[in-house]
Amino acid sequence: MNSIIYIMKYEYEDQLKEISNHLENLIDMMEEEEYFKTDLKGFEKDFKELVDESELKIMEILKGDPDIPLDFVSFRSSGEKFQTEVHVTWGKFEQFVELEVQNLKTSIEKFLEEDDAPRRELFNQLTIPIMSMVNHQEHPTRPGYLVYHFKIKEHADYFEELMEKKELFYERFDEKRGKNEVFWFGVRDKDHHAVEVVNYTVKGKFRKPMISDKGARYAIVIFGVAIILFAIIGAIISHM
C-alpha cells in the first residue's frame, strides 16, 4: 500500500499569508468608525487599496494554480459592488467585512493549516518508468510541472540541499512503496534547466565507478597505456 509521508512546502504560501494580512487590515478598519465619519474619501481610498491588492495577488495565484479552494468569487463581486455604491453606510461596510472578508480570510487560513498534509493530486498517477534512462518525467495531470524521483534518501537529501541553495521552488514527498522508498520532487517546468544542473551534480557526487576495485582499475589503466606504447613503438619501427 502506498503512503506519502510528508511535504516540505507549498509554492504560494508566502503570498497567501500576505493576502491574509491585507484582509486582517480590512477587518481592523471596523474599529475606525470615527475615521469613516470624518473622512469618508480617505477611508474609501484606504479600503480600496487593500481590496485591490488582495484581488490582484489572488488572481495571480489562481492563474498559477486554479485548484486552490479560495472563496474568492463572492468577495470580488461584493467588493466591486461596495466600491461603486453612491451612498456608503457604515452598516454596509460592516456587513461586507463580516461576511465576505472574514469568509475569504477563513478559507485562506484553512488552506494554510491543511498545507502540511500531502497534496496527493500532484503525485498521484505517477509510476517509475522501467526502461527510462532519466529520473524525471512530466506530470500526467498537472501542466507546467516536472517530477524527479530518487530511490536513495542520501541522494534526495543532497538534491534538496542544492535546490535550497539555488533558491529553486520544489515540493517534496517521501513515499513508501512496498518495501522500497521513493523520494519525489515536484518542480516547475520553467526551472528545468537549472534543476537539471542540480540533478547532474547529485548524480556526479554519488556515481559509482564502473570497476569498484581500485587495484583492478589501476591494472586496466596500465594495460591501456602499455598497448598505446607498443602501438607507438610498432609504428616507429615500421617506418625505419
Foldseek 3Di string as FASTA:
>chain_A
DKDWDWKDFDDCLVLLVVLLVLLVVLVVCLVVVVCCVPPVPVSLVSNVVSLVVSVVSVVVVCVQPVPQDFPVPVLVVLVVVQSPDPDHDSVSSVVSSVPNSVRRSVSSVVCSVCRGPDPVVQPPPDDQDPPDPAQKDQGPPRPQKIKGKDQDVVLVVQLVVVCVVVVFDWMWIWMDDPPTIMIMIIHGPVCVVVSVVSNVVSCVVPPADPDNDPVVVVVVVVVVVVVVVVVVVVVVVVVD
